[in-house]
Protein backbone atom coordinates (compact mmCIF):
# COMPACT_ATOMS: atom_id res chain seq x y z
CA UNK A 1 0.00 0.00 0.00
CA UNK A 2 2.70 2.52 0.94
CA UNK A 3 2.50 6.17 1.89
CA UNK A 4 3.16 9.34 -0.12
CA UNK A 5 6.88 10.20 -0.19
CA UNK A 6 6.29 13.57 1.51
CA UNK A 7 4.51 12.06 4.55
CA UNK A 8 6.67 11.74 7.65
CA UNK A 9 5.73 11.06 11.22
CA UNK A 10 5.41 8.71 14.17
CA UNK A 11 2.44 7.52 16.14
CA UNK A 12 2.37 5.10 19.05
CA UNK A 13 -0.71 3.16 20.14
CA UNK A 14 -1.75 0.18 22.23
CA UNK A 15 -3.42 -2.39 19.98
CA UNK A 16 -5.99 -4.91 21.22
CA UNK A 17 -6.90 -7.98 19.18
CA UNK A 18 -9.17 -10.59 20.80
CA UNK A 19 -8.76 -13.05 17.91
CA UNK A 20 -4.96 -12.83 17.59
CA UNK A 21 -3.54 -11.99 21.03
CA UNK A 22 0.03 -11.96 19.68
CA UNK A 23 -0.91 -8.60 18.10
CA UNK A 24 -1.78 -7.11 21.51
CA UNK A 25 0.65 -4.58 22.86
CA UNK A 26 2.25 -1.19 22.41
CA UNK A 27 3.30 -0.38 18.83
CA UNK A 28 4.94 2.57 17.09
CA UNK A 29 4.45 3.33 13.40
CA UNK A 30 7.18 5.40 11.74
CA UNK A 31 6.51 6.69 8.22
CA UNK A 32 9.14 8.32 5.99
CA UNK A 33 10.20 8.24 2.34
CA UNK A 34 7.04 6.43 1.25
CA UNK A 35 7.40 3.48 3.62
CA UNK A 36 6.16 2.58 7.08
CA UNK A 37 7.85 0.59 9.83
CA UNK A 38 5.85 -0.91 12.68
CA UNK A 39 7.81 -1.89 15.79
CA UNK A 40 7.06 -2.58 19.43
CA UNK A 41 6.97 0.67 21.41
CA UNK A 42 9.30 1.07 24.38
CA UNK A 43 6.91 3.25 26.41
CA UNK A 44 3.19 2.96 27.10
CA UNK A 45 1.34 5.03 24.45
CA UNK A 46 -1.46 7.51 25.15
CA UNK A 47 -3.66 6.10 22.37
CA UNK A 48 -5.50 2.79 22.24
CA UNK A 49 -6.72 1.11 19.09
CA UNK A 50 -8.90 -1.94 18.50
CA UNK A 51 -7.73 -4.15 15.61
CA UNK A 52 -10.95 -3.23 13.76
CA UNK A 53 -9.99 0.43 14.10
CA UNK A 54 -6.50 -0.36 12.82
CA UNK A 55 -8.06 -2.04 9.77
CA UNK A 56 -10.31 0.88 8.82
CA UNK A 57 -7.48 3.36 9.32
CA UNK A 58 -4.97 1.32 7.33
CA UNK A 59 -7.46 0.94 4.48
CA UNK A 60 -8.06 4.71 4.50
CA UNK A 61 -11.76 4.25 5.26
CA UNK A 62 -11.83 6.46 8.39
CA UNK A 63 -9.95 9.14 10.30
CA UNK A 64 -8.64 8.72 13.82
CA UNK A 65 -11.44 10.86 15.20
CA UNK A 66 -14.07 8.84 13.30
CA UNK A 67 -12.56 5.64 14.72
CA UNK A 68 -12.74 7.15 18.21
CA UNK A 69 -16.38 8.17 17.71
CA UNK A 70 -17.15 4.58 16.65
CA UNK A 71 -15.50 3.23 19.81
CA UNK A 72 -12.56 1.70 17.90
CA UNK A 73 -9.90 4.08 19.29
CA UNK A 74 -9.45 5.88 22.58
CA UNK A 75 -7.01 6.85 25.28
CA UNK A 76 -5.75 10.19 26.53
CA UNK A 77 -4.09 11.35 23.29
CA UNK A 78 -5.64 13.12 20.31
CA UNK A 79 -7.03 10.41 18.00
CA UNK A 80 -6.21 12.63 15.01
CA UNK A 81 -2.59 11.46 15.47
CA UNK A 82 -3.79 8.09 14.16
CA UNK A 83 -4.48 9.72 10.78
CA UNK A 84 -0.88 8.84 9.91
CA UNK A 85 -2.14 5.28 9.43
CA UNK A 86 -4.70 6.49 6.88
CA UNK A 87 -2.50 8.93 4.97
CA UNK A 88 -1.61 6.62 2.08
CA UNK A 89 -3.56 5.74 -1.03
CA UNK A 90 -6.64 3.54 -0.62
CA UNK A 91 -5.94 -0.15 -0.15
CA UNK A 92 -6.82 -2.37 -3.09
CA UNK A 93 -8.00 -5.95 -3.22
CA UNK A 94 -7.31 -7.66 -6.51
CA UNK A 95 -9.91 -10.39 -6.33
CA UNK A 96 -13.12 -11.34 -8.03
CA UNK A 97 -16.26 -12.64 -6.34
C-alpha atoms as a PDB file:
ATOM      1  CA  UNK A   1       0.000   0.000   0.000  1.00  0.00           C
ATOM      2  CA  UNK A   2       2.702   2.522   0.938  1.00  0.00           C
ATOM      3  CA  UNK A   3       2.505   6.168   1.888  1.00  0.00           C
ATOM      4  CA  UNK A   4       3.158   9.339  -0.121  1.00  0.00           C
ATOM      5  CA  UNK A   5       6.879  10.201  -0.192  1.00  0.00           C
ATOM      6  CA  UNK A   6       6.290  13.572   1.514  1.00  0.00           C
ATOM      7  CA  UNK A   7       4.508  12.061   4.550  1.00  0.00           C
ATOM      8  CA  UNK A   8       6.670  11.743   7.653  1.00  0.00           C
ATOM      9  CA  UNK A   9       5.733  11.059  11.223  1.00  0.00           C
ATOM     10  CA  UNK A  10       5.405   8.712  14.167  1.00  0.00           C
ATOM     11  CA  UNK A  11       2.436   7.518  16.143  1.00  0.00           C
ATOM     12  CA  UNK A  12       2.368   5.095  19.054  1.00  0.00           C
ATOM     13  CA  UNK A  13      -0.710   3.161  20.145  1.00  0.00           C
ATOM     14  CA  UNK A  14      -1.753   0.175  22.232  1.00  0.00           C
ATOM     15  CA  UNK A  15      -3.417  -2.394  19.977  1.00  0.00           C
ATOM     16  CA  UNK A  16      -5.985  -4.913  21.218  1.00  0.00           C
ATOM     17  CA  UNK A  17      -6.899  -7.978  19.181  1.00  0.00           C
ATOM     18  CA  UNK A  18      -9.166 -10.591  20.799  1.00  0.00           C
ATOM     19  CA  UNK A  19      -8.759 -13.046  17.906  1.00  0.00           C
ATOM     20  CA  UNK A  20      -4.964 -12.832  17.586  1.00  0.00           C
ATOM     21  CA  UNK A  21      -3.537 -11.992  21.029  1.00  0.00           C
ATOM     22  CA  UNK A  22       0.029 -11.959  19.677  1.00  0.00           C
ATOM     23  CA  UNK A  23      -0.908  -8.603  18.104  1.00  0.00           C
ATOM     24  CA  UNK A  24      -1.782  -7.112  21.510  1.00  0.00           C
ATOM     25  CA  UNK A  25       0.655  -4.577  22.860  1.00  0.00           C
ATOM     26  CA  UNK A  26       2.249  -1.195  22.410  1.00  0.00           C
ATOM     27  CA  UNK A  27       3.299  -0.378  18.831  1.00  0.00           C
ATOM     28  CA  UNK A  28       4.937   2.572  17.089  1.00  0.00           C
ATOM     29  CA  UNK A  29       4.451   3.334  13.403  1.00  0.00           C
ATOM     30  CA  UNK A  30       7.176   5.399  11.742  1.00  0.00           C
ATOM     31  CA  UNK A  31       6.514   6.694   8.219  1.00  0.00           C
ATOM     32  CA  UNK A  32       9.142   8.315   5.987  1.00  0.00           C
ATOM     33  CA  UNK A  33      10.197   8.241   2.339  1.00  0.00           C
ATOM     34  CA  UNK A  34       7.039   6.431   1.246  1.00  0.00           C
ATOM     35  CA  UNK A  35       7.395   3.484   3.622  1.00  0.00           C
ATOM     36  CA  UNK A  36       6.165   2.583   7.080  1.00  0.00           C
ATOM     37  CA  UNK A  37       7.845   0.591   9.827  1.00  0.00           C
ATOM     38  CA  UNK A  38       5.848  -0.910  12.679  1.00  0.00           C
ATOM     39  CA  UNK A  39       7.810  -1.887  15.793  1.00  0.00           C
ATOM     40  CA  UNK A  40       7.062  -2.582  19.428  1.00  0.00           C
ATOM     41  CA  UNK A  41       6.967   0.674  21.408  1.00  0.00           C
ATOM     42  CA  UNK A  42       9.297   1.068  24.377  1.00  0.00           C
ATOM     43  CA  UNK A  43       6.907   3.249  26.409  1.00  0.00           C
ATOM     44  CA  UNK A  44       3.193   2.961  27.101  1.00  0.00           C
ATOM     45  CA  UNK A  45       1.343   5.032  24.454  1.00  0.00           C
ATOM     46  CA  UNK A  46      -1.455   7.511  25.147  1.00  0.00           C
ATOM     47  CA  UNK A  47      -3.657   6.099  22.375  1.00  0.00           C
ATOM     48  CA  UNK A  48      -5.498   2.786  22.241  1.00  0.00           C
ATOM     49  CA  UNK A  49      -6.724   1.107  19.090  1.00  0.00           C
ATOM     50  CA  UNK A  50      -8.901  -1.937  18.500  1.00  0.00           C
ATOM     51  CA  UNK A  51      -7.729  -4.146  15.613  1.00  0.00           C
ATOM     52  CA  UNK A  52     -10.947  -3.235  13.757  1.00  0.00           C
ATOM     53  CA  UNK A  53      -9.988   0.433  14.097  1.00  0.00           C
ATOM     54  CA  UNK A  54      -6.497  -0.359  12.818  1.00  0.00           C
ATOM     55  CA  UNK A  55      -8.057  -2.042   9.774  1.00  0.00           C
ATOM     56  CA  UNK A  56     -10.315   0.878   8.822  1.00  0.00           C
ATOM     57  CA  UNK A  57      -7.483   3.362   9.321  1.00  0.00           C
ATOM     58  CA  UNK A  58      -4.974   1.320   7.328  1.00  0.00           C
ATOM     59  CA  UNK A  59      -7.465   0.940   4.476  1.00  0.00           C
ATOM     60  CA  UNK A  60      -8.058   4.707   4.495  1.00  0.00           C
ATOM     61  CA  UNK A  61     -11.761   4.254   5.256  1.00  0.00           C
ATOM     62  CA  UNK A  62     -11.829   6.465   8.385  1.00  0.00           C
ATOM     63  CA  UNK A  63      -9.953   9.135  10.297  1.00  0.00           C
ATOM     64  CA  UNK A  64      -8.636   8.721  13.821  1.00  0.00           C
ATOM     65  CA  UNK A  65     -11.445  10.859  15.199  1.00  0.00           C
ATOM     66  CA  UNK A  66     -14.066   8.836  13.300  1.00  0.00           C
ATOM     67  CA  UNK A  67     -12.558   5.637  14.715  1.00  0.00           C
ATOM     68  CA  UNK A  68     -12.743   7.147  18.213  1.00  0.00           C
ATOM     69  CA  UNK A  69     -16.381   8.171  17.715  1.00  0.00           C
ATOM     70  CA  UNK A  70     -17.153   4.583  16.649  1.00  0.00           C
ATOM     71  CA  UNK A  71     -15.495   3.234  19.806  1.00  0.00           C
ATOM     72  CA  UNK A  72     -12.562   1.704  17.901  1.00  0.00           C
ATOM     73  CA  UNK A  73      -9.901   4.080  19.290  1.00  0.00           C
ATOM     74  CA  UNK A  74      -9.452   5.882  22.579  1.00  0.00           C
ATOM     75  CA  UNK A  75      -7.010   6.852  25.277  1.00  0.00           C
ATOM     76  CA  UNK A  76      -5.746  10.190  26.527  1.00  0.00           C
ATOM     77  CA  UNK A  77      -4.091  11.349  23.292  1.00  0.00           C
ATOM     78  CA  UNK A  78      -5.642  13.116  20.309  1.00  0.00           C
ATOM     79  CA  UNK A  79      -7.029  10.405  18.004  1.00  0.00           C
ATOM     80  CA  UNK A  80      -6.207  12.630  15.011  1.00  0.00           C
ATOM     81  CA  UNK A  81      -2.592  11.461  15.468  1.00  0.00           C
ATOM     82  CA  UNK A  82      -3.785   8.085  14.155  1.00  0.00           C
ATOM     83  CA  UNK A  83      -4.483   9.720  10.782  1.00  0.00           C
ATOM     84  CA  UNK A  84      -0.881   8.842   9.909  1.00  0.00           C
ATOM     85  CA  UNK A  85      -2.141   5.277   9.433  1.00  0.00           C
ATOM     86  CA  UNK A  86      -4.701   6.491   6.884  1.00  0.00           C
ATOM     87  CA  UNK A  87      -2.504   8.930   4.969  1.00  0.00           C
ATOM     88  CA  UNK A  88      -1.613   6.624   2.076  1.00  0.00           C
ATOM     89  CA  UNK A  89      -3.561   5.740  -1.032  1.00  0.00           C
ATOM     90  CA  UNK A  90      -6.640   3.540  -0.615  1.00  0.00           C
ATOM     91  CA  UNK A  91      -5.945  -0.153  -0.151  1.00  0.00           C
ATOM     92  CA  UNK A  92      -6.823  -2.368  -3.092  1.00  0.00           C
ATOM     93  CA  UNK A  93      -8.005  -5.949  -3.220  1.00  0.00           C
ATOM     94  CA  UNK A  94      -7.314  -7.660  -6.507  1.00  0.00           C
ATOM     95  CA  UNK A  95      -9.908 -10.390  -6.326  1.00  0.00           C
ATOM     96  CA  UNK A  96     -13.116 -11.344  -8.033  1.00  0.00           C
ATOM     97  CA  UNK A  97     -16.256 -12.638  -6.343  1.00  0.00           C
END
